[in-house]
Structure formats: structure tokens, C-alpha cells
């Protein structure tokens, strides 16, 4: 079989099969990479606290690449602006977010259909188990928090039965909704407050906010909202299946070449196994091809010839000698 495999015909066939199998392997690799394209991993750079101006632009949509970043801003809360947002979990408990209007000290006044005033930020000051709104801290302060996207709008029908009809209660939180409620222009996105201070933020040398940072809460029931980057390490198993499928195709292409080679070698060694012939046959010394004698035609034929093709290679004298 090795002798037959080293002939030009089978070497060329092997090269074609290898190129085909290589293509299948590349397709398998592509599918394997595609299975993790949807994953989202934690970005250490997003944990570094940056000025809010680096992340938020006036009247601009929130860049998805900046979501989950930590920012800091100096300004003040607007007294009496707070609302509750229902259906928020903190660990195993369900409660409410307290969202308030925060105005940066360096915010410029803008004129909109809502009137004239400084552009503000929607800040979730904390989480509370009871539907009670604590007073906002007064005076200028610096806060640090995580920037998150707006929630999808929800109606009062999505609220729990006990929450329906409560004043200053929202089913979801989004800056475009709060703009109408507060009658003020807002930056896009929501800030989850992680630290509030009247002085300097206690940042680490790397510029990160320590885990034990505190809020300037006027109510002991208000807890800091648990905040971390959203990650997704799920794998698309359909792509994994396709990757394995392409590898099977590659293996089958190689197996098909080997099987055809094996059949050709066996056919050459014992042609009677592959042709409907009952009788004696011989092998031509010059070509190595097996042949037989047809008494009806009185002629010799190679097994791999059509019945109307008489062999010109095997002489009758030589054949009679082989037959004897």
C-alpha cells in the first residue's frame, strides 16, 4: 500500500485532501473563537475613579464602552428631589433605591423646552428596605459612583400591589424620565453612589475607591448599593458544536483518502474480490496489472479495462506461459 501511496496520483490526492482538511480546521477554530465573543470580562481600568466630564457629554448618548466606569463629581443635591424606585434587591432582600438630583458645581446653565437651569445628574444615593425617603445631604460635597445605563421604561402595572398608589415611587429609573419629573436637563445615565464626602475622596494610590467607603447619609436605614461591573462568561454551545462538526469533516476527508487507497491496494493485490469473475487470472510482469483470458473472445483482458478493449501489452505466448 505504501508503494501505491507514493505514486504521483495518490500524492496529489493527499495534498488536495490536506488542503481541504486545513480549511475545515480553520473553520473549526473560527467557530471556537466565536463561542466566546459575547463574553464580558472585568476591566481594571473602569475601577479607576475619573472626572465625570471624561465620561459624560451634554446631550450625547451614553457610550456603552464607558458603562460600569467609576466617576467623581463635586456639587450638591437638590433638596426635596428624591424619589423611590421599587423592586430593587440588595443581597437576598428586596427594597427600594433612593434617586436624587445632583447638580455639579461646574455645570453650565442650559436652555431647553423645560426652561433654563444647570445640567444635572441622576444619582442613586442608596438602598432602603422601607419605602421611606431620607433627606438629602446639604451643602457642597464630592461623590464617587459607578455609571450605569438607563433602565427600560416600566408602568405602574409592574409594581407590587402594596406599592401601587404610593407617592414619589417609580417602577424604573432612567434619566430621560427623570428629566420630565424634575423639569431639568440631565446627563445620560445613572450614577450609583459609592462614596460621599465634604473633603477629598479616600482614593488608593491606583486611583481606586476603597471597598469601605461611606455615604453621608442622614438616615441609618440607607445602605450603599452593591455595585460591581457586569460580566458575562457564558459560552455559546452551538458554536462549540459547529467547531466539533468541522473537525469531524476534516477527519472524514483524511479517512476517505486512506480508505480509497486501501481499496485500490486490495484491488491490485486480489482483483477477483472486486470483479465478477470465476476463473484463473494472472499478473503482467511489465505493468503489475492482473488480467484474465476470455474463452468466448479468445483474447486476454486486463481487469481494469472495458470489455471491448483488448490488451495490447500481454502477448498470447506470454500469457500461455503464465497460465501453464
C-alpha atoms as a PDB file:
ATOM      1  CA  UNK A   1       0.000   0.000   0.000  1.00  0.00           C
ATOM      2  CA  UNK A   2       2.934   2.353   0.697  1.00  0.00           C
ATOM      3  CA  UNK A   3       4.228   1.872  -2.840  1.00  0.00           C
ATOM      4  CA  UNK A   4       0.848   2.842  -4.238  1.00  0.00           C
ATOM      5  CA  UNK A   5       0.563   5.834  -1.850  1.00  0.00           C
ATOM      6  CA  UNK A   6       3.866   7.235  -3.169  1.00  0.00           C
ATOM      7  CA  UNK A   7       2.671   7.364  -6.765  1.00  0.00           C
ATOM      8  CA  UNK A   8       2.001  10.861  -8.198  1.00  0.00           C
ATOM      9  CA  UNK A   9      -1.740  10.286  -8.412  1.00  0.00           C
ATOM     10  CA  UNK A  10      -2.162   9.444  -4.742  1.00  0.00           C
ATOM     11  CA  UNK A  11       0.314  12.087  -3.557  1.00  0.00           C
ATOM     12  CA  UNK A  12      -1.674  14.725  -5.449  1.00  0.00           C
ATOM     13  CA  UNK A  13      -4.871  13.360  -3.918  1.00  0.00           C
ATOM     14  CA  UNK A  14      -3.333  13.558  -0.454  1.00  0.00           C
ATOM     15  CA  UNK A  15      -2.302  17.182  -0.995  1.00  0.00           C
ATOM     16  CA  UNK A  16      -5.831  18.079  -2.047  1.00  0.00           C
ATOM     17  CA  UNK A  17      -7.299  16.307   0.982  1.00  0.00           C
ATOM     18  CA  UNK A  18      -4.828  18.026   3.329  1.00  0.00           C
ATOM     19  CA  UNK A  19      -5.733  21.444   1.926  1.00  0.00           C
ATOM     20  CA  UNK A  20      -9.418  20.644   2.355  1.00  0.00           C
ATOM     21  CA  UNK A  21      -8.876  19.377   5.909  1.00  0.00           C
ATOM     22  CA  UNK A  22      -6.858  22.503   6.740  1.00  0.00           C
ATOM     23  CA  UNK A  23      -9.779  24.635   5.622  1.00  0.00           C
ATOM     24  CA  UNK A  24     -12.093  22.640   7.877  1.00  0.00           C
ATOM     25  CA  UNK A  25      -9.706  23.105  10.828  1.00  0.00           C
ATOM     26  CA  UNK A  26      -9.616  26.876  10.231  1.00  0.00           C
ATOM     27  CA  UNK A  27     -13.411  26.963  10.176  1.00  0.00           C
ATOM     28  CA  UNK A  28     -13.442  24.987  13.426  1.00  0.00           C
ATOM     29  CA  UNK A  29     -11.045  27.483  15.009  1.00  0.00           C
ATOM     30  CA  UNK A  30     -13.243  30.382  13.877  1.00  0.00           C
ATOM     31  CA  UNK A  31     -16.333  28.776  15.402  1.00  0.00           C
ATOM     32  CA  UNK A  32     -14.426  28.125  18.628  1.00  0.00           C
ATOM     33  CA  UNK A  33     -13.437  31.788  18.884  1.00  0.00           C
ATOM     34  CA  UNK A  34     -16.980  32.877  18.063  1.00  0.00           C
ATOM     35  CA  UNK A  35     -18.283  30.873  21.033  1.00  0.00           C
ATOM     36  CA  UNK A  36     -16.731  33.411  23.444  1.00  0.00           C
ATOM     37  CA  UNK A  37     -17.240  36.655  21.507  1.00  0.00           C
ATOM     38  CA  UNK A  38     -20.218  37.596  23.662  1.00  0.00           C
ATOM     39  CA  UNK A  39     -18.276  37.336  26.904  1.00  0.00           C
ATOM     40  CA  UNK A  40     -17.725  40.453  29.001  1.00  0.00           C
ATOM     41  CA  UNK A  41     -14.792  40.433  31.418  1.00  0.00           C
ATOM     42  CA  UNK A  42     -13.981  42.837  34.212  1.00  0.00           C
ATOM     43  CA  UNK A  43     -11.903  45.828  33.122  1.00  0.00           C
ATOM     44  CA  UNK A  44      -9.472  47.069  35.827  1.00  0.00           C
ATOM     45  CA  UNK A  45      -9.305  50.487  34.170  1.00  0.00           C
ATOM     46  CA  UNK A  46     -13.010  51.035  34.844  1.00  0.00           C
ATOM     47  CA  UNK A  47     -12.319  50.799  38.589  1.00  0.00           C
ATOM     48  CA  UNK A  48     -10.139  53.901  38.478  1.00  0.00           C
ATOM     49  CA  UNK A  49     -12.178  56.941  39.518  1.00  0.00           C
ATOM     50  CA  UNK A  50     -12.244  59.548  36.742  1.00  0.00           C
ATOM     51  CA  UNK A  51     -13.788  63.045  36.469  1.00  0.00           C
ATOM     52  CA  UNK A  52     -17.345  62.862  35.221  1.00  0.00           C
ATOM     53  CA  UNK A  53     -16.511  65.144  32.283  1.00  0.00           C
ATOM     54  CA  UNK A  54     -14.322  62.349  30.859  1.00  0.00           C
ATOM     55  CA  UNK A  55     -17.314  60.020  30.633  1.00  0.00           C
ATOM     56  CA  UNK A  56     -20.401  62.176  30.138  1.00  0.00           C
ATOM     57  CA  UNK A  57     -21.053  64.682  27.417  1.00  0.00           C
ATOM     58  CA  UNK A  58     -24.001  67.073  27.367  1.00  0.00           C
ATOM     59  CA  UNK A  59     -26.916  65.996  25.133  1.00  0.00           C
ATOM     60  CA  UNK A  60     -24.986  62.906  23.986  1.00  0.00           C
ATOM     61  CA  UNK A  61     -25.954  59.241  24.281  1.00  0.00           C
ATOM     62  CA  UNK A  62     -24.135  57.111  26.823  1.00  0.00           C
ATOM     63  CA  UNK A  63     -21.228  55.234  25.263  1.00  0.00           C
ATOM     64  CA  UNK A  64     -21.636  51.534  26.021  1.00  0.00           C
ATOM     65  CA  UNK A  65     -17.859  51.205  26.438  1.00  0.00           C
ATOM     66  CA  UNK A  66     -17.998  53.619  29.401  1.00  0.00           C
ATOM     67  CA  UNK A  67     -20.816  51.871  31.269  1.00  0.00           C
ATOM     68  CA  UNK A  68     -19.732  50.453  34.666  1.00  0.00           C
ATOM     69  CA  UNK A  69     -16.910  53.009  34.954  1.00  0.00           C
ATOM     70  CA  UNK A  70     -16.252  54.822  38.245  1.00  0.00           C
ATOM     71  CA  UNK A  71     -16.501  58.626  38.235  1.00  0.00           C
ATOM     72  CA  UNK A  72     -16.361  61.509  40.669  1.00  0.00           C
ATOM     73  CA  UNK A  73     -18.156  64.827  40.724  1.00  0.00           C
ATOM     74  CA  UNK A  74     -18.335  67.806  43.078  1.00  0.00           C
ATOM     75  CA  UNK A  75     -21.626  69.598  43.586  1.00  0.00           C
ATOM     76  CA  UNK A  76     -24.799  69.438  45.679  1.00  0.00           C
ATOM     77  CA  UNK A  77     -28.087  67.591  45.931  1.00  0.00           C
ATOM     78  CA  UNK A  78     -31.307  69.453  45.225  1.00  0.00           C
ATOM     79  CA  UNK A  79     -33.401  69.380  48.382  1.00  0.00           C
ATOM     80  CA  UNK A  80     -36.702  67.515  48.046  1.00  0.00           C
ATOM     81  CA  UNK A  81     -35.838  65.957  44.679  1.00  0.00           C
ATOM     82  CA  UNK A  82     -35.626  62.334  45.850  1.00  0.00           C
ATOM     83  CA  UNK A  83     -37.846  59.518  44.558  1.00  0.00           C
ATOM     84  CA  UNK A  84     -38.045  55.819  45.349  1.00  0.00           C
ATOM     85  CA  UNK A  85     -37.509  53.134  42.693  1.00  0.00           C
ATOM     86  CA  UNK A  86     -39.326  49.902  43.545  1.00  0.00           C
ATOM     87  CA  UNK A  87     -38.241  46.287  43.108  1.00  0.00           C
ATOM     88  CA  UNK A  88     -34.511  46.642  43.879  1.00  0.00           C
ATOM     89  CA  UNK A  89     -32.676  43.786  45.547  1.00  0.00           C
ATOM     90  CA  UNK A  90     -29.787  44.121  47.962  1.00  0.00           C
ATOM     91  CA  UNK A  91     -28.443  40.653  48.614  1.00  0.00           C
ATOM     92  CA  UNK A  92     -31.433  38.469  49.461  1.00  0.00           C
ATOM     93  CA  UNK A  93     -33.725  41.369  50.401  1.00  0.00           C
ATOM     94  CA  UNK A  94     -35.975  43.404  48.173  1.00  0.00           C
ATOM     95  CA  UNK A  95     -36.433  47.103  48.728  1.00  0.00           C
ATOM     96  CA  UNK A  96     -36.064  50.494  47.062  1.00  0.00           C
ATOM     97  CA  UNK A  97     -33.455  52.731  45.530  1.00  0.00           C
ATOM     98  CA  UNK A  98     -33.415  56.388  46.538  1.00  0.00           C
ATOM     99  CA  UNK A  99     -32.647  58.512  43.460  1.00  0.00           C
ATOM    100  CA  UNK A 100     -31.925  62.244  43.739  1.00  0.00           C
ATOM    101  CA  UNK A 101     -30.996  65.184  41.517  1.00  0.00           C
ATOM    102  CA  UNK A 102     -27.329  66.186  41.850  1.00  0.00           C
ATOM    103  CA  UNK A 103     -26.021  69.381  40.289  1.00  0.00           C
ATOM    104  CA  UNK A 104     -22.264  69.613  39.543  1.00  0.00           C
ATOM    105  CA  UNK A 105     -20.621  72.843  40.712  1.00  0.00           C
ATOM    106  CA  UNK A 106     -19.098  73.445  37.280  1.00  0.00           C
ATOM    107  CA  UNK A 107     -22.295  72.694  35.354  1.00  0.00           C
ATOM    108  CA  UNK A 108     -23.227  75.415  32.900  1.00  0.00           C
ATOM    109  CA  UNK A 109     -26.765  76.641  32.525  1.00  0.00           C
ATOM    110  CA  UNK A 110     -28.638  75.353  29.504  1.00  0.00           C
ATOM    111  CA  UNK A 111     -31.876  76.477  27.914  1.00  0.00           C
ATOM    112  CA  UNK A 112     -34.286  73.761  26.856  1.00  0.00           C
ATOM    113  CA  UNK A 113     -38.019  73.338  26.401  1.00  0.00           C
ATOM    114  CA  UNK A 114     -38.064  72.659  30.132  1.00  0.00           C
ATOM    115  CA  UNK A 115     -36.664  76.083  30.902  1.00  0.00           C
ATOM    116  CA  UNK A 116     -33.250  77.394  31.916  1.00  0.00           C
ATOM    117  CA  UNK A 117     -31.025  75.780  34.528  1.00  0.00           C
ATOM    118  CA  UNK A 118     -27.829  73.799  35.145  1.00  0.00           C
ATOM    119  CA  UNK A 119     -27.490  70.295  33.726  1.00  0.00           C
ATOM    120  CA  UNK A 120     -27.709  67.695  36.489  1.00  0.00           C
ATOM    121  CA  UNK A 121     -27.052  64.038  37.253  1.00  0.00           C
ATOM    122  CA  UNK A 122     -29.440  61.326  38.404  1.00  0.00           C
ATOM    123  CA  UNK A 123     -27.750  59.748  41.446  1.00  0.00           C
ATOM    124  CA  UNK A 124     -28.924  56.651  43.281  1.00  0.00           C
ATOM    125  CA  UNK A 125     -27.939  57.611  46.823  1.00  0.00           C
ATOM    126  CA  UNK A 126     -28.566  54.192  48.310  1.00  0.00           C
ATOM    127  CA  UNK A 127     -30.906  51.285  49.064  1.00  0.00           C
ATOM    128  CA  UNK A 128     -33.551  51.081  51.762  1.00  0.00           C
ATOM    129  CA  UNK A 129     -35.822  48.243  52.809  1.00  0.00           C
ATOM    130  CA  UNK A 130     -38.670  50.559  53.814  1.00  0.00           C
ATOM    131  CA  UNK A 131     -40.479  52.882  51.366  1.00  0.00           C
ATOM    132  CA  UNK A 132     -39.256  55.973  53.199  1.00  0.00           C
ATOM    133  CA  UNK A 133     -37.277  58.829  51.625  1.00  0.00           C
ATOM    134  CA  UNK A 134     -34.458  60.244  53.793  1.00  0.00           C
ATOM    135  CA  UNK A 135     -33.474  63.880  53.439  1.00  0.00           C
ATOM    136  CA  UNK A 136     -30.684  64.727  51.031  1.00  0.00           C
ATOM    137  CA  UNK A 137     -27.283  65.810  52.437  1.00  0.00           C
ATOM    138  CA  UNK A 138     -26.951  69.574  52.133  1.00  0.00           C
ATOM    139  CA  UNK A 139     -24.026  71.712  51.074  1.00  0.00           C
ATOM    140  CA  UNK A 140     -21.273  71.088  48.569  1.00  0.00           C
ATOM    141  CA  UNK A 141     -19.812  67.589  48.588  1.00  0.00           C
ATOM    142  CA  UNK A 142     -17.838  65.235  46.394  1.00  0.00           C
ATOM    143  CA  UNK A 143     -19.269  61.898  45.457  1.00  0.00           C
ATOM    144  CA  UNK A 144     -17.891  58.900  43.619  1.00  0.00           C
ATOM    145  CA  UNK A 145     -20.080  56.307  41.966  1.00  0.00           C
ATOM    146  CA  UNK A 146     -20.483  53.787  39.198  1.00  0.00           C
ATOM    147  CA  UNK A 147     -22.005  54.897  35.910  1.00  0.00           C
ATOM    148  CA  UNK A 148     -24.747  52.542  34.684  1.00  0.00           C
ATOM    149  CA  UNK A 149     -27.200  52.646  31.814  1.00  0.00           C
ATOM    150  CA  UNK A 150     -30.816  53.701  31.904  1.00  0.00           C
ATOM    151  CA  UNK A 151     -33.416  51.090  32.702  1.00  0.00           C
ATOM    152  CA  UNK A 152     -36.183  50.259  30.270  1.00  0.00           C
ATOM    153  CA  UNK A 153     -39.397  52.206  30.923  1.00  0.00           C
ATOM    154  CA  UNK A 154     -41.974  50.421  33.075  1.00  0.00           C
ATOM    155  CA  UNK A 155     -45.569  51.191  34.004  1.00  0.00           C
ATOM    156  CA  UNK A 156     -47.318  51.241  37.357  1.00  0.00           C
ATOM    157  CA  UNK A 157     -48.827  47.857  36.476  1.00  0.00           C
ATOM    158  CA  UNK A 158     -45.407  46.285  37.064  1.00  0.00           C
ATOM    159  CA  UNK A 159     -45.371  47.463  40.688  1.00  0.00           C
ATOM    160  CA  UNK A 160     -46.259  45.160  43.553  1.00  0.00           C
ATOM    161  CA  UNK A 161     -49.779  45.536  44.927  1.00  0.00           C
ATOM    162  CA  UNK A 162     -48.609  47.264  48.115  1.00  0.00           C
ATOM    163  CA  UNK A 163     -46.597  49.839  46.123  1.00  0.00           C
ATOM    164  CA  UNK A 164     -49.347  50.957  43.788  1.00  0.00           C
ATOM    165  CA  UNK A 165     -50.661  54.372  44.652  1.00  0.00           C
ATOM    166  CA  UNK A 166     -47.627  55.429  46.711  1.00  0.00           C
ATOM    167  CA  UNK A 167     -46.398  58.952  46.091  1.00  0.00           C
ATOM    168  CA  UNK A 168     -42.899  59.616  44.703  1.00  0.00           C
ATOM    169  CA  UNK A 169     -42.497  55.991  43.681  1.00  0.00           C
ATOM    170  CA  UNK A 170     -41.173  54.917  40.276  1.00  0.00           C
ATOM    171  CA  UNK A 171     -41.230  51.450  38.680  1.00  0.00           C
ATOM    172  CA  UNK A 172     -37.893  52.048  36.896  1.00  0.00           C
ATOM    173  CA  UNK A 173     -35.159  54.655  36.700  1.00  0.00           C
ATOM    174  CA  UNK A 174     -33.961  56.422  33.553  1.00  0.00           C
ATOM    175  CA  UNK A 175     -32.521  59.878  33.019  1.00  0.00           C
ATOM    176  CA  UNK A 176     -34.964  60.721  30.195  1.00  0.00           C
ATOM    177  CA  UNK A 177     -37.901  60.041  32.543  1.00  0.00           C
ATOM    178  CA  UNK A 178     -36.395  61.969  35.429  1.00  0.00           C
ATOM    179  CA  UNK A 179     -35.820  64.943  33.137  1.00  0.00           C
ATOM    180  CA  UNK A 180     -39.588  65.427  32.919  1.00  0.00           C
ATOM    181  CA  UNK A 181     -40.138  64.693  36.615  1.00  0.00           C
ATOM    182  CA  UNK A 182     -37.517  67.170  37.804  1.00  0.00           C
ATOM    183  CA  UNK A 183     -38.048  69.615  34.952  1.00  0.00           C
ATOM    184  CA  UNK A 184     -34.288  69.760  34.463  1.00  0.00           C
ATOM    185  CA  UNK A 185     -31.784  68.832  31.771  1.00  0.00           C
ATOM    186  CA  UNK A 186     -29.748  65.745  32.724  1.00  0.00           C
ATOM    187  CA  UNK A 187     -26.656  63.933  31.586  1.00  0.00           C
ATOM    188  CA  UNK A 188     -27.395  60.497  30.182  1.00  0.00           C
ATOM    189  CA  UNK A 189     -27.052  57.531  32.534  1.00  0.00           C
ATOM    190  CA  UNK A 190     -27.466  56.824  36.238  1.00  0.00           C
ATOM    191  CA  UNK A 191     -24.838  57.126  38.996  1.00  0.00           C
ATOM    192  CA  UNK A 192     -24.782  54.532  41.797  1.00  0.00           C
ATOM    193  CA  UNK A 193     -23.207  56.486  44.676  1.00  0.00           C
ATOM    194  CA  UNK A 194     -20.389  54.602  46.419  1.00  0.00           C
ATOM    195  CA  UNK A 195     -18.854  57.412  48.482  1.00  0.00           C
ATOM    196  CA  UNK A 196     -19.796  60.915  49.619  1.00  0.00           C
ATOM    197  CA  UNK A 197     -17.521  63.339  51.412  1.00  0.00           C
ATOM    198  CA  UNK A 198     -17.257  67.034  52.165  1.00  0.00           C
ATOM    199  CA  UNK A 199     -13.488  66.805  51.627  1.00  0.00           C
ATOM    200  CA  UNK A 200     -11.247  64.661  49.455  1.00  0.00           C
ATOM    201  CA  UNK A 201     -12.198  61.176  48.330  1.00  0.00           C
ATOM    202  CA  UNK A 202     -10.124  58.453  50.041  1.00  0.00           C
ATOM    203  CA  UNK A 203      -8.680  57.007  46.836  1.00  0.00           C
ATOM    204  CA  UNK A 204      -5.939  54.368  46.706  1.00  0.00           C
ATOM    205  CA  UNK A 205      -2.581  55.118  45.002  1.00  0.00           C
ATOM    206  CA  UNK A 206      -4.003  53.387  41.898  1.00  0.00           C
ATOM    207  CA  UNK A 207      -6.937  55.794  41.865  1.00  0.00           C
ATOM    208  CA  UNK A 208      -9.498  53.218  43.022  1.00  0.00           C
ATOM    209  CA  UNK A 209     -12.177  53.680  45.636  1.00  0.00           C
ATOM    210  CA  UNK A 210     -11.741  51.530  48.785  1.00  0.00           C
ATOM    211  CA  UNK A 211     -14.460  48.976  49.489  1.00  0.00           C
ATOM    212  CA  UNK A 212     -15.159  50.535  52.927  1.00  0.00           C
ATOM    213  CA  UNK A 213     -16.035  53.987  51.539  1.00  0.00           C
ATOM    214  CA  UNK A 214     -19.056  55.618  53.209  1.00  0.00           C
ATOM    215  CA  UNK A 215     -22.077  57.748  52.313  1.00  0.00           C
ATOM    216  CA  UNK A 216     -23.096  60.979  54.057  1.00  0.00           C
ATOM    217  CA  UNK A 217     -26.491  59.526  54.877  1.00  0.00           C
ATOM    218  CA  UNK A 218     -28.986  61.360  57.033  1.00  0.00           C
ATOM    219  CA  UNK A 219     -30.758  58.055  57.712  1.00  0.00           C
ATOM    220  CA  UNK A 220     -29.126  54.934  59.115  1.00  0.00           C
ATOM    221  CA  UNK A 221     -31.519  52.740  57.108  1.00  0.00           C
ATOM    222  CA  UNK A 222     -29.945  53.893  53.830  1.00  0.00           C
ATOM    223  CA  UNK A 223     -27.323  51.410  52.591  1.00  0.00           C
ATOM    224  CA  UNK A 224     -24.785  51.797  49.829  1.00  0.00           C
ATOM    225  CA  UNK A 225     -25.965  49.987  46.688  1.00  0.00           C
ATOM    226  CA  UNK A 226     -23.871  46.921  45.961  1.00  0.00           C
ATOM    227  CA  UNK A 227     -22.042  47.799  42.782  1.00  0.00           C
ATOM    228  CA  UNK A 228     -19.750  45.799  40.530  1.00  0.00           C
ATOM    229  CA  UNK A 229     -19.006  45.535  36.862  1.00  0.00           C
ATOM    230  CA  UNK A 230     -21.400  43.423  34.833  1.00  0.00           C
ATOM    231  CA  UNK A 231     -19.583  40.380  33.465  1.00  0.00           C
ATOM    232  CA  UNK A 232     -20.686  37.518  31.262  1.00  0.00           C
ATOM    233  CA  UNK A 233     -18.557  34.389  30.853  1.00  0.00           C
ATOM    234  CA  UNK A 234     -21.159  32.210  29.174  1.00  0.00           C
ATOM    235  CA  UNK A 235     -20.153  30.092  26.171  1.00  0.00           C
ATOM    236  CA  UNK A 236     -22.260  29.645  23.052  1.00  0.00           C
ATOM    237  CA  UNK A 237     -22.504  25.845  22.854  1.00  0.00           C
ATOM    238  CA  UNK A 238     -23.936  25.981  19.351  1.00  0.00           C
ATOM    239  CA  UNK A 239     -20.603  27.376  18.135  1.00  0.00           C
ATOM    240  CA  UNK A 240     -18.792  24.638  20.064  1.00  0.00           C
ATOM    241  CA  UNK A 241     -20.944  22.038  18.283  1.00  0.00           C
ATOM    242  CA  UNK A 242     -20.112  23.586  14.899  1.00  0.00           C
ATOM    243  CA  UNK A 243     -16.398  23.590  15.786  1.00  0.00           C
ATOM    244  CA  UNK A 244     -16.521  19.853  16.543  1.00  0.00           C
ATOM    245  CA  UNK A 245     -18.502  19.288  13.359  1.00  0.00           C
ATOM    246  CA  UNK A 246     -15.790  20.894  11.209  1.00  0.00           C
ATOM    247  CA  UNK A 247     -13.142  18.724  12.895  1.00  0.00           C
ATOM    248  CA  UNK A 248     -15.204  15.647  12.075  1.00  0.00           C
ATOM    249  CA  UNK A 249     -15.340  16.772   8.442  1.00  0.00           C
ATOM    250  CA  UNK A 250     -11.541  17.159   8.416  1.00  0.00           C
ATOM    251  CA  UNK A 251     -11.047  13.689   9.901  1.00  0.00           C
ATOM    252  CA  UNK A 252     -13.525  12.197   7.429  1.00  0.00           C
ATOM    253  CA  UNK A 253     -11.663  13.725   4.459  1.00  0.00           C
ATOM    254  CA  UNK A 254      -8.421  12.090   5.608  1.00  0.00           C
ATOM    255  CA  UNK A 255     -10.200   8.812   6.307  1.00  0.00           C
ATOM    256  CA  UNK A 256     -11.806   8.850   2.842  1.00  0.00           C
ATOM    257  CA  UNK A 257      -8.394   9.234   1.162  1.00  0.00           C
ATOM    258  CA  UNK A 258      -6.956   6.400   3.255  1.00  0.00           C
ATOM    259  CA  UNK A 259      -9.952   4.160   2.553  1.00  0.00           C
ATOM    260  CA  UNK A 260      -9.747   4.742  -1.204  1.00  0.00           C
ATOM    261  CA  UNK A 261      -6.020   3.982  -1.076  1.00  0.00           C
ATOM    262  CA  UNK A 262      -6.634   0.788   0.894  1.00  0.00           C
ATOM    263  CA  UNK A 263      -9.324  -0.355  -1.553  1.00  0.00           C
ATOM    264  CA  UNK A 264      -7.061   0.377  -4.525  1.00  0.00           C
ATOM    265  CA  UNK A 265      -4.220  -1.631  -2.944  1.00  0.00           C
ATOM    266  CA  UNK A 266      -6.503  -4.576  -2.178  1.00  0.00           C
ATOM    267  CA  UNK A 267      -7.968  -4.370  -5.670  1.00  0.00           C
ATOM    268  CA  UNK A 268      -4.496  -4.512  -7.131  1.00  0.00           C
ATOM    269  CA  UNK A 269      -3.468  -7.447  -4.925  1.00  0.00           C
ATOM    270  CA  UNK A 270      -6.586  -9.550  -5.476  1.00  0.00           C
ATOM    271  CA  UNK A 271      -8.803  -8.273  -8.321  1.00  0.00           C
ATOM    272  CA  UNK A 272     -11.172 -11.235  -8.073  1.00  0.00           C
ATOM    273  CA  UNK A 273     -12.557  -9.684  -4.882  1.00  0.00           C
ATOM    274  CA  UNK A 274     -13.680  -6.617  -6.852  1.00  0.00           C
ATOM    275  CA  UNK A 275     -14.790  -8.130 -10.184  1.00  0.00           C
ATOM    276  CA  UNK A 276     -17.420 -10.703 -11.023  1.00  0.00           C
ATOM    277  CA  UNK A 277     -15.064 -13.304 -12.423  1.00  0.00           C
ATOM    278  CA  UNK A 278     -14.842 -17.040 -11.791  1.00  0.00           C
ATOM    279  CA  UNK A 279     -11.639 -18.462 -13.115  1.00  0.00           C
ATOM    280  CA  UNK A 280      -7.900 -18.101 -13.150  1.00  0.00           C
ATOM    281  CA  UNK A 281      -6.151 -14.758 -13.603  1.00  0.00           C
ATOM    282  CA  UNK A 282      -2.528 -13.680 -13.895  1.00  0.00           C
ATOM    283  CA  UNK A 283      -0.400 -10.610 -13.226  1.00  0.00           C
ATOM    284  CA  UNK A 284       1.523  -8.952 -16.037  1.00  0.00           C
ATOM    285  CA  UNK A 285       5.202  -8.658 -15.056  1.00  0.00           C
ATOM    286  CA  UNK A 286       5.716  -5.459 -17.037  1.00  0.00           C
ATOM    287  CA  UNK A 287       2.842  -3.420 -15.565  1.00  0.00           C
ATOM    288  CA  UNK A 288       1.823  -5.352 -12.451  1.00  0.00           C
ATOM    289  CA  UNK A 289      -1.775  -5.334 -13.691  1.00  0.00           C
ATOM    290  CA  UNK A 290      -3.874  -8.510 -13.356  1.00  0.00           C
ATOM    291  CA  UNK A 291      -5.507  -9.983 -16.465  1.00  0.00           C
ATOM    292  CA  UNK A 292      -7.628 -12.942 -17.479  1.00  0.00           C
ATOM    293  CA  UNK A 293      -8.473 -14.999 -20.604  1.00  0.00           C
ATOM    294  CA  UNK A 294     -11.905 -14.752 -22.179  1.00  0.00           C
ATOM    295  CA  UNK A 295     -12.530 -18.092 -23.990  1.00  0.00           C
ATOM    296  CA  UNK A 296     -15.550 -16.677 -25.825  1.00  0.00           C
ATOM    297  CA  UNK A 297     -13.489 -13.925 -27.428  1.00  0.00           C
ATOM    298  CA  UNK A 298     -10.288 -15.919 -27.444  1.00  0.00           C
ATOM    299  CA  UNK A 299      -8.490 -12.850 -26.080  1.00  0.00           C
ATOM    300  CA  UNK A 300      -6.829 -11.565 -22.912  1.00  0.00           C
ATOM    301  CA  UNK A 301      -8.154  -8.604 -20.989  1.00  0.00           C
ATOM    302  CA  UNK A 302      -6.948  -6.547 -18.074  1.00  0.00           C
ATOM    303  CA  UNK A 303      -9.467  -6.412 -15.231  1.00  0.00           C
ATOM    304  CA  UNK A 304      -9.398  -2.613 -15.220  1.00  0.00           C
ATOM    305  CA  UNK A 305     -10.239  -2.422 -18.957  1.00  0.00           C
ATOM    306  CA  UNK A 306     -13.628  -2.232 -20.576  1.00  0.00           C
ATOM    307  CA  UNK A 307     -14.754  -5.480 -22.134  1.00  0.00           C
ATOM    308  CA  UNK A 308     -14.311  -4.130 -25.654  1.00  0.00           C
ATOM    309  CA  UNK A 309     -10.665  -3.172 -25.039  1.00  0.00           C
ATOM    310  CA  UNK A 310      -8.223  -5.956 -25.844  1.00  0.00           C
ATOM    311  CA  UNK A 311      -4.906  -5.778 -24.082  1.00  0.00           C
ATOM    312  CA  UNK A 312      -2.014  -4.890 -26.337  1.00  0.00           C
ATOM    313  CA  UNK A 313       0.501  -5.409 -23.577  1.00  0.00           C
ATOM    314  CA  UNK A 314       0.029  -9.097 -22.836  1.00  0.00           C
ATOM    315  CA  UNK A 315       1.074 -11.412 -25.670  1.00  0.00           C
ATOM    316  CA  UNK A 316      -0.671 -14.692 -26.218  1.00  0.00           C
ATOM    317  CA  UNK A 317       2.580 -16.558 -25.954  1.00  0.00           C
ATOM    318  CA  UNK A 318       3.489 -14.915 -22.687  1.00  0.00           C
ATOM    319  CA  UNK A 319       0.044 -15.489 -21.339  1.00  0.00           C
ATOM    320  CA  UNK A 320       0.056 -19.150 -22.243  1.00  0.00           C
ATOM    321  CA  UNK A 321       3.358 -19.434 -20.463  1.00  0.00           C
ATOM    322  CA  UNK A 322       1.943 -17.776 -17.344  1.00  0.00           C
ATOM    323  CA  UNK A 323      -1.177 -19.939 -17.494  1.00  0.00           C
ATOM    324  CA  UNK A 324       0.905 -23.127 -17.676  1.00  0.00           C
END
